[in-house]
Amino acid sequence: MVQYGEAPAATPASLRSAAPPSAAARSVRGMPSPERLKVPQKDLLIFFRQLAVILQSGVPLAQGLELLASNMTNPKLAACITQIALRLNAGEELSLCLRQYPRVFKPIMVGLIEAGEAGGILEEVLDRIAHLLEQQAKLRGQMIGALIYPVIVLVLAITIGLALLIFIVPRFEAMFSRLGAQLPALTQVMLNLSRFVTNPAGMGMVIALIVGSLLLFRSYYGTRAGRLAVDSRLFQLPLFGGLLLRYEMASLSETLATLVNSGIPIIDGLQRCISASSNQLIKNTLARAIVLAQQGQPLSLALDNSKALPRLFISMVKIGEETGELSFMLEKLAVFYNREIEAAVTALTKAMEPLTVVVVAVIVGTIVISLYLPMFDLIRAFKK
């Protein structure tokens, strides 16, 4: 059982020496308010891993937190943990202390810790939280890796095209004007485009249009209906829609399996999965499933009501309900979707490599051909 409050009298000398000399002063000075404090996910992952090991070693919770805070490289998180240790020494529970930092410790973490405190398995729960954070970071990294490649290709193509239009095309325009040649339509289009991008007023108009569009989209996405409309269409995107859906399913399966394994009731687990999801369609589906499950419907039928979740997920949940192995099935689903994401990211990356060459070649080739078309016309005229 985890020990709260004061540490026992017999404290190892190494732990006494590791405690900071002025914890209270260190924890308050230069700190944002608890409601606004944020720390990187990787620092939280390390914190939960280390705290689980310290508790398994028999060190009291408050003293273990002080020990971790004194050795942290992130001063904000160190000050936060020091404050939590002080409140624990004052008699508060860990879950109540963590609620004071909602942007650091998400509701799902607090819920798991509450379950660990109630069941006397806090060390095990902390290890599960670390594993969950690790899996989420891995999934996020895979998704970023898959989505950032097309962005890099687009930025590269636009940069090369702008460089040619700004620095190369104007020199050809001067030469064409001296020759007085009849310019083909493609060449004239490129010359007009070059004049537009080299004109400060034109570029200002483009920038203003882009910024205005982004602000309008942000305003629309900020509404509940707009967020639902955009998030619903994300799953229909070619190439990336299926990948985004697999990401949401992997995250949902991993999170719900962790909650169920920690002894949290399925309804409470679904409620916490809503706050953990980033897609409004999934949030709405889970909220509707909670209402239907509370009315007595089986979980699989409640989740299938909106037809937003894949049939595989619904079928595995149904099997888990019927066999009493729901958490096991959710774990298997998480493993399956993680593998699917890895395979999709690998295939997408390989497919994008030749596409990069094609996109850049089309842009550069179009500009070069448009500049040399008048030359070909002049050569044919001289031959005649």
Protein backbone atom coordinates (compact mmCIF):
# COMPACT_ATOMS: atom_id res chain seq x y z
CA MET A 1 0.00 0.00 0.00
CA VAL A 2 1.31 3.45 -0.86
CA GLN A 3 2.32 5.60 2.08
CA TYR A 4 1.13 9.19 2.25
CA GLY A 5 2.00 12.03 4.55
CA GLU A 6 5.15 12.08 6.65
CA ALA A 7 8.05 9.79 5.90
CA PRO A 8 9.17 7.25 8.48
CA ALA A 9 11.86 8.25 10.94
CA ALA A 10 14.45 5.91 9.48
CA THR A 11 15.20 7.65 6.21
CA PRO A 12 18.25 6.72 4.08
CA ALA A 13 20.93 9.39 4.18
CA SER A 14 21.12 9.50 0.38
CA LEU A 15 17.45 10.47 0.15
CA ARG A 16 17.79 13.11 2.88
CA SER A 17 20.70 14.71 1.08
CA ALA A 18 18.84 14.68 -2.25
CA ALA A 19 15.93 16.77 -0.97
CA PRO A 20 16.10 20.45 -2.01
CA PRO A 21 17.04 22.84 0.78
CA SER A 22 14.29 25.36 0.04
CA ALA A 23 11.50 23.52 -1.75
CA ALA A 24 8.76 26.03 -1.09
CA ALA A 25 10.73 28.97 -2.43
CA ARG A 26 11.87 26.99 -5.43
CA SER A 27 8.36 25.83 -6.33
CA VAL A 28 6.70 29.25 -6.40
CA ARG A 29 9.27 31.61 -7.87
CA GLY A 30 8.75 32.26 -11.60
CA MET A 31 5.98 29.68 -11.97
CA PRO A 32 2.82 30.23 -14.05
CA SER A 33 -0.51 29.55 -12.38
CA PRO A 34 -1.38 25.85 -11.98
CA GLU A 35 -4.23 26.18 -14.53
CA ARG A 36 -1.84 27.48 -17.24
CA LEU A 37 1.21 25.31 -16.59
CA LYS A 38 2.22 22.96 -19.44
CA VAL A 39 5.16 20.58 -19.74
CA PRO A 40 6.42 18.36 -22.60
CA GLN A 41 4.94 14.88 -22.84
CA LYS A 42 8.36 13.22 -22.76
CA ASP A 43 9.10 14.78 -19.37
CA LEU A 44 5.83 13.40 -18.00
CA LEU A 45 6.66 9.95 -19.37
CA ILE A 46 10.02 9.95 -17.56
CA PHE A 47 8.38 11.24 -14.38
CA PHE A 48 5.78 8.46 -14.22
CA ARG A 49 8.36 5.77 -15.01
CA GLN A 50 10.68 6.99 -12.28
CA LEU A 51 7.90 7.46 -9.73
CA ALA A 52 6.66 3.89 -10.28
CA VAL A 53 10.17 2.53 -9.68
CA ILE A 54 10.63 4.65 -6.55
CA LEU A 55 7.33 3.48 -5.05
CA GLN A 56 8.17 -0.14 -5.87
CA SER A 57 11.40 0.38 -3.89
CA GLY A 58 9.40 1.23 -0.77
CA VAL A 59 10.10 4.97 -0.66
CA PRO A 60 7.15 7.02 0.71
CA LEU A 61 5.26 8.91 -1.98
CA ALA A 62 5.89 12.48 -0.78
CA GLN A 63 9.58 11.80 -0.22
CA GLY A 64 9.86 10.13 -3.62
CA LEU A 65 8.33 13.17 -5.30
CA GLU A 66 10.85 15.45 -3.57
CA LEU A 67 13.66 13.19 -4.70
CA LEU A 68 12.45 13.29 -8.32
CA ALA A 69 11.94 17.08 -8.23
CA SER A 70 15.50 17.65 -7.02
CA ASN A 71 16.91 15.75 -10.02
CA MET A 72 14.66 17.06 -12.82
CA THR A 73 16.03 19.06 -15.73
CA ASN A 74 12.67 20.77 -16.39
CA PRO A 75 12.37 23.53 -13.74
CA LYS A 76 8.62 24.03 -14.27
CA LEU A 77 7.80 20.38 -13.74
CA ALA A 78 10.23 20.23 -10.80
CA ALA A 79 8.47 23.15 -9.11
CA CYS A 80 5.07 21.55 -9.83
CA ILE A 81 6.15 18.23 -8.29
CA THR A 82 7.63 20.01 -5.27
CA GLN A 83 4.29 21.74 -4.63
CA ILE A 84 2.48 18.39 -4.93
CA ALA A 85 4.89 16.86 -2.40
CA LEU A 86 4.18 19.71 0.03
CA ARG A 87 0.42 19.16 -0.30
CA LEU A 88 0.85 15.42 0.23
CA ASN A 89 2.74 16.13 3.44
CA ALA A 90 -0.21 18.30 4.45
CA GLY A 91 -2.52 15.27 4.14
CA GLU A 92 -4.05 15.60 0.65
CA GLU A 93 -4.41 12.68 -1.77
CA LEU A 94 -2.28 12.48 -4.90
CA SER A 95 -5.22 12.57 -7.31
CA LEU A 96 -6.59 15.75 -5.70
CA CYS A 97 -3.15 17.38 -5.93
CA LEU A 98 -2.84 16.50 -9.62
CA ARG A 99 -6.24 18.06 -10.41
CA GLN A 100 -4.73 21.46 -9.64
CA TYR A 101 -2.65 21.15 -12.85
CA PRO A 102 -5.23 20.27 -15.56
CA ARG A 103 -2.92 21.05 -18.51
CA VAL A 104 -0.12 18.89 -17.12
CA PHE A 105 -2.08 15.91 -15.78
CA LYS A 106 -4.97 15.10 -18.09
CA PRO A 107 -8.29 13.76 -16.70
CA ILE A 108 -7.44 10.26 -17.86
CA MET A 109 -4.23 10.29 -15.77
CA VAL A 110 -6.06 11.57 -12.71
CA GLY A 111 -8.78 8.94 -13.16
CA LEU A 112 -6.24 6.14 -13.38
CA ILE A 113 -4.45 7.39 -10.27
CA GLU A 114 -7.78 7.58 -8.41
CA ALA A 115 -8.40 3.94 -9.33
CA GLY A 116 -4.88 3.03 -8.24
CA GLU A 117 -5.34 4.76 -4.90
CA ALA A 118 -8.67 3.03 -4.30
CA GLY A 119 -7.34 -0.40 -5.24
CA GLY A 120 -3.93 -0.07 -3.59
CA ILE A 121 -2.13 -0.59 -6.92
CA LEU A 122 -0.73 2.89 -7.47
CA GLU A 123 2.70 1.62 -8.54
CA GLU A 124 1.12 -0.57 -11.23
CA VAL A 125 -1.14 2.24 -12.41
CA LEU A 126 1.77 4.67 -12.70
CA ASP A 127 3.58 2.15 -14.88
CA ARG A 128 0.46 1.81 -17.06
CA ILE A 129 0.23 5.58 -17.43
CA ALA A 130 3.85 5.68 -18.56
CA HIS A 131 3.16 2.90 -21.07
CA LEU A 132 0.08 4.76 -22.35
CA LEU A 133 2.06 7.99 -22.79
CA GLU A 134 4.78 6.05 -24.58
CA GLN A 135 2.31 4.49 -27.01
CA GLN A 136 0.61 7.84 -27.64
CA ALA A 137 3.96 9.49 -28.33
CA LYS A 138 4.87 6.68 -30.73
CA LEU A 139 1.56 6.98 -32.57
CA ARG A 140 1.86 10.74 -32.76
CA GLY A 141 5.38 10.48 -34.13
CA GLN A 142 4.26 8.05 -36.82
CA MET A 143 1.39 10.30 -37.84
CA ILE A 144 3.60 13.38 -37.95
CA GLY A 145 6.13 11.46 -40.01
CA ALA A 146 3.46 10.46 -42.49
CA LEU A 147 1.85 13.89 -42.78
CA ILE A 148 4.95 16.05 -42.78
CA TYR A 149 6.42 14.48 -45.92
CA PRO A 150 3.76 15.88 -48.28
CA VAL A 151 4.13 19.27 -46.59
CA ILE A 152 7.88 19.24 -47.22
CA VAL A 153 7.27 18.28 -50.85
CA LEU A 154 4.77 21.11 -51.30
CA VAL A 155 7.05 23.68 -49.64
CA LEU A 156 10.00 22.54 -51.75
CA ALA A 157 8.00 22.76 -54.98
CA ILE A 158 6.62 26.21 -54.15
CA THR A 159 10.08 27.49 -53.14
CA ILE A 160 11.69 26.32 -56.37
CA GLY A 161 8.84 27.72 -58.45
CA LEU A 162 8.99 31.11 -56.71
CA ALA A 163 12.78 31.25 -57.07
CA LEU A 164 12.49 30.72 -60.83
CA LEU A 165 9.67 33.25 -61.17
CA ILE A 166 11.47 35.92 -59.14
CA PHE A 167 15.09 35.56 -60.30
CA ILE A 168 15.12 33.77 -63.70
CA VAL A 169 11.92 34.66 -65.57
CA PRO A 170 12.43 38.48 -65.41
CA ARG A 171 15.77 38.13 -67.26
CA PHE A 172 14.09 36.23 -70.06
CA GLU A 173 11.30 38.83 -70.17
CA ALA A 174 13.87 41.56 -70.83
CA MET A 175 15.40 39.50 -73.62
CA PHE A 176 12.02 38.78 -75.20
CA SER A 177 11.11 42.47 -75.16
CA ARG A 178 14.33 43.34 -77.05
CA LEU A 179 13.66 40.68 -79.67
CA GLY A 180 10.05 41.78 -80.12
CA ALA A 181 8.99 38.18 -80.71
CA GLN A 182 5.43 36.89 -80.64
CA LEU A 183 5.18 35.04 -77.33
CA PRO A 184 3.29 31.74 -76.94
CA ALA A 185 0.36 31.68 -74.52
CA LEU A 186 2.23 29.56 -71.93
CA THR A 187 5.18 31.95 -71.95
CA GLN A 188 2.90 34.95 -71.55
CA VAL A 189 1.19 33.30 -68.58
CA MET A 190 4.57 32.72 -66.91
CA LEU A 191 5.64 36.31 -67.54
CA ASN A 192 2.40 37.63 -66.05
CA LEU A 193 2.82 35.32 -63.05
CA SER A 194 6.40 36.53 -62.58
CA ARG A 195 5.27 40.18 -62.63
CA PHE A 196 2.61 39.36 -60.04
CA VAL A 197 4.94 37.63 -57.55
CA THR A 198 7.63 40.30 -57.91
CA ASN A 199 5.11 43.05 -57.29
CA PRO A 200 4.91 43.88 -53.53
CA ALA A 201 1.22 44.71 -53.85
CA GLY A 202 0.50 41.36 -55.49
CA MET A 203 2.41 39.38 -52.87
CA GLY A 204 0.74 41.40 -50.12
CA MET A 205 -2.63 40.47 -51.60
CA VAL A 206 -1.68 36.77 -51.64
CA ILE A 207 -0.43 36.87 -48.04
CA ALA A 208 -3.56 38.70 -46.91
CA LEU A 209 -5.71 36.12 -48.70
CA ILE A 210 -3.87 33.23 -47.06
CA VAL A 211 -4.01 34.78 -43.58
CA GLY A 212 -7.69 35.66 -44.02
CA SER A 213 -8.51 32.11 -45.14
CA LEU A 214 -6.68 30.65 -42.15
CA LEU A 215 -8.50 32.96 -39.76
CA LEU A 216 -11.87 32.10 -41.31
CA PHE A 217 -11.11 28.39 -41.08
CA ARG A 218 -9.98 28.74 -37.48
CA SER A 219 -13.17 30.61 -36.63
CA TYR A 220 -15.32 27.98 -38.36
CA TYR A 221 -13.39 25.10 -36.79
CA GLY A 222 -13.85 26.71 -33.39
CA THR A 223 -17.59 26.12 -33.56
CA ARG A 224 -18.99 22.74 -32.57
CA ALA A 225 -20.74 22.22 -35.92
CA GLY A 226 -17.68 23.31 -37.89
CA ARG A 227 -15.37 21.05 -35.92
CA LEU A 228 -17.70 18.08 -36.46
CA ALA A 229 -17.99 18.80 -40.21
CA VAL A 230 -14.21 19.07 -40.68
CA ASP A 231 -13.31 16.10 -38.47
CA SER A 232 -15.90 13.91 -40.21
CA ARG A 233 -14.42 14.69 -43.63
CA LEU A 234 -10.86 14.02 -42.46
CA PHE A 235 -11.57 10.28 -42.52
CA GLN A 236 -12.67 10.60 -46.18
CA LEU A 237 -9.42 12.13 -47.41
CA PRO A 238 -7.63 10.08 -50.08
CA LEU A 239 -4.47 8.35 -48.80
CA PHE A 240 -4.61 9.99 -45.36
CA GLY A 241 -8.23 9.38 -44.29
CA GLY A 242 -7.71 5.71 -43.48
CA LEU A 243 -4.49 6.49 -41.67
CA LEU A 244 -6.18 9.10 -39.48
CA LEU A 245 -9.01 6.67 -38.63
CA ARG A 246 -6.49 3.97 -37.66
CA TYR A 247 -4.72 6.48 -35.44
CA GLU A 248 -7.95 7.31 -33.61
CA MET A 249 -8.83 3.62 -33.23
CA ALA A 250 -5.37 2.73 -31.92
CA SER A 251 -5.51 5.57 -29.40
CA LEU A 252 -9.06 4.67 -28.31
CA SER A 253 -8.22 0.96 -27.92
CA GLU A 254 -5.03 1.62 -25.97
CA THR A 255 -6.66 4.18 -23.68
CA LEU A 256 -9.81 2.15 -22.96
CA ALA A 257 -7.79 -1.04 -22.35
CA THR A 258 -5.61 0.80 -19.83
CA LEU A 259 -8.67 2.20 -18.03
CA VAL A 260 -10.50 -1.14 -17.88
CA ASN A 261 -7.37 -2.97 -16.67
CA SER A 262 -7.05 -0.40 -13.87
CA GLY A 263 -10.52 -1.21 -12.57
CA ILE A 264 -12.37 1.84 -13.92
CA PRO A 265 -16.01 1.08 -14.94
CA ILE A 266 -16.60 1.02 -18.69
CA ILE A 267 -18.93 4.03 -18.64
CA ASP A 268 -16.38 6.13 -16.75
CA GLY A 269 -13.69 4.84 -19.10
CA LEU A 270 -15.62 5.95 -22.17
CA GLN A 271 -16.17 9.35 -20.57
CA ARG A 272 -12.43 9.76 -20.09
CA CYS A 273 -11.76 8.57 -23.65
CA ILE A 274 -13.89 11.48 -24.88
CA SER A 275 -11.49 13.98 -23.33
CA ALA A 276 -8.51 12.01 -24.69
CA SER A 277 -9.76 11.97 -28.31
CA SER A 278 -8.86 14.73 -30.76
CA ASN A 279 -11.66 14.06 -33.27
CA GLN A 280 -15.14 15.50 -32.74
CA LEU A 281 -16.85 12.66 -34.63
CA ILE A 282 -15.26 10.10 -32.29
CA LYS A 283 -16.17 12.26 -29.28
CA ASN A 284 -19.82 12.40 -30.38
CA THR A 285 -19.87 8.66 -31.04
CA LEU A 286 -18.55 7.88 -27.56
CA ALA A 287 -20.96 10.33 -25.91
CA ARG A 288 -23.91 8.72 -27.70
CA ALA A 289 -22.62 5.25 -26.76
CA ILE A 290 -22.49 6.25 -23.08
CA VAL A 291 -26.16 7.30 -23.15
CA LEU A 292 -27.23 4.08 -24.89
CA ALA A 293 -25.11 1.89 -22.59
CA GLN A 294 -26.65 3.55 -19.54
CA GLN A 295 -30.05 2.68 -20.98
CA GLY A 296 -29.06 -1.00 -20.99
CA GLN A 297 -27.76 -1.60 -24.52
CA PRO A 298 -24.62 -3.74 -25.00
CA LEU A 299 -21.47 -1.69 -25.51
CA SER A 300 -20.85 -3.01 -29.03
CA LEU A 301 -24.37 -2.08 -30.14
CA ALA A 302 -24.10 1.34 -28.49
CA LEU A 303 -20.79 2.06 -30.25
CA ASP A 304 -22.16 0.87 -33.60
CA ASN A 305 -25.17 3.19 -33.46
CA SER A 306 -23.48 6.05 -35.35
CA LYS A 307 -21.74 3.78 -37.92
CA ALA A 308 -18.59 5.89 -37.49
CA LEU A 309 -16.34 3.16 -36.07
CA PRO A 310 -14.86 0.32 -38.19
CA ARG A 311 -16.67 -3.02 -38.22
CA LEU A 312 -13.54 -4.78 -36.95
CA PHE A 313 -13.51 -2.65 -33.79
CA ILE A 314 -17.22 -3.28 -33.13
CA SER A 315 -16.87 -7.04 -33.73
CA MET A 316 -13.88 -7.38 -31.40
CA VAL A 317 -15.66 -5.39 -28.67
CA LYS A 318 -18.70 -7.65 -29.06
CA ILE A 319 -16.55 -10.77 -28.72
CA GLY A 320 -14.85 -9.26 -25.67
CA GLU A 321 -18.22 -8.58 -24.05
CA GLU A 322 -19.52 -12.07 -24.71
CA THR A 323 -16.38 -13.81 -23.44
CA GLY A 324 -15.68 -11.46 -20.53
CA GLU A 325 -12.30 -10.54 -22.04
CA LEU A 326 -12.99 -6.96 -23.13
CA SER A 327 -9.66 -5.54 -21.96
CA PHE A 328 -7.78 -8.37 -23.71
CA MET A 329 -9.62 -7.70 -26.98
CA LEU A 330 -8.93 -3.96 -26.68
CA GLU A 331 -5.24 -4.65 -26.17
CA LYS A 332 -5.19 -6.84 -29.28
CA LEU A 333 -7.00 -4.13 -31.22
CA ALA A 334 -4.40 -1.58 -30.13
CA VAL A 335 -1.58 -3.87 -31.30
CA PHE A 336 -3.36 -4.50 -34.61
CA TYR A 337 -3.98 -0.83 -35.36
CA ASN A 338 -0.41 0.09 -34.36
CA ARG A 339 0.90 -2.40 -36.91
CA GLU A 340 -1.54 -1.10 -39.50
CA ILE A 341 -0.29 2.44 -38.94
CA GLU A 342 3.35 1.38 -39.24
CA ALA A 343 2.62 -0.45 -42.50
CA ALA A 344 0.58 2.46 -43.90
CA VAL A 345 3.25 5.02 -42.99
CA THR A 346 5.97 2.90 -44.63
CA ALA A 347 3.91 2.42 -47.80
CA LEU A 348 2.95 6.10 -47.93
CA THR A 349 6.54 7.24 -47.50
CA LYS A 350 7.74 4.97 -50.31
CA ALA A 351 4.93 6.19 -52.56
CA MET A 352 5.73 9.85 -51.84
CA GLU A 353 9.41 9.56 -52.78
CA PRO A 354 8.84 9.27 -56.55
CA LEU A 355 5.94 11.70 -56.29
CA THR A 356 8.35 14.30 -54.93
CA VAL A 357 10.49 14.03 -58.04
CA VAL A 358 7.42 14.20 -60.31
CA VAL A 359 5.95 17.31 -58.62
CA VAL A 360 9.23 19.24 -58.67
CA ALA A 361 9.95 18.13 -62.24
CA VAL A 362 6.49 19.27 -63.44
CA ILE A 363 6.86 22.72 -61.86
CA VAL A 364 10.42 23.31 -63.03
CA GLY A 365 9.78 21.71 -66.41
CA THR A 366 6.71 23.86 -67.10
CA ILE A 367 8.60 27.07 -66.32
CA VAL A 368 11.65 26.06 -68.39
CA ILE A 369 9.57 24.97 -71.39
CA SER A 370 7.57 28.21 -71.29
CA LEU A 371 10.83 30.19 -71.43
CA TYR A 372 12.29 28.23 -74.33
CA LEU A 373 9.20 28.07 -76.52
CA PRO A 374 9.87 31.55 -78.03
CA MET A 375 13.42 30.41 -78.81
CA PHE A 376 12.09 27.49 -80.83
CA ASP A 377 9.74 29.82 -82.73
CA LEU A 378 12.62 32.17 -83.53
CA ILE A 379 14.80 29.29 -84.76
CA ARG A 380 12.02 28.08 -87.05
CA ALA A 381 11.53 31.66 -88.37
CA PHE A 382 15.26 32.00 -89.18
CA LYS A 383 15.22 28.68 -91.03
CA LYS A 384 12.42 29.91 -93.25
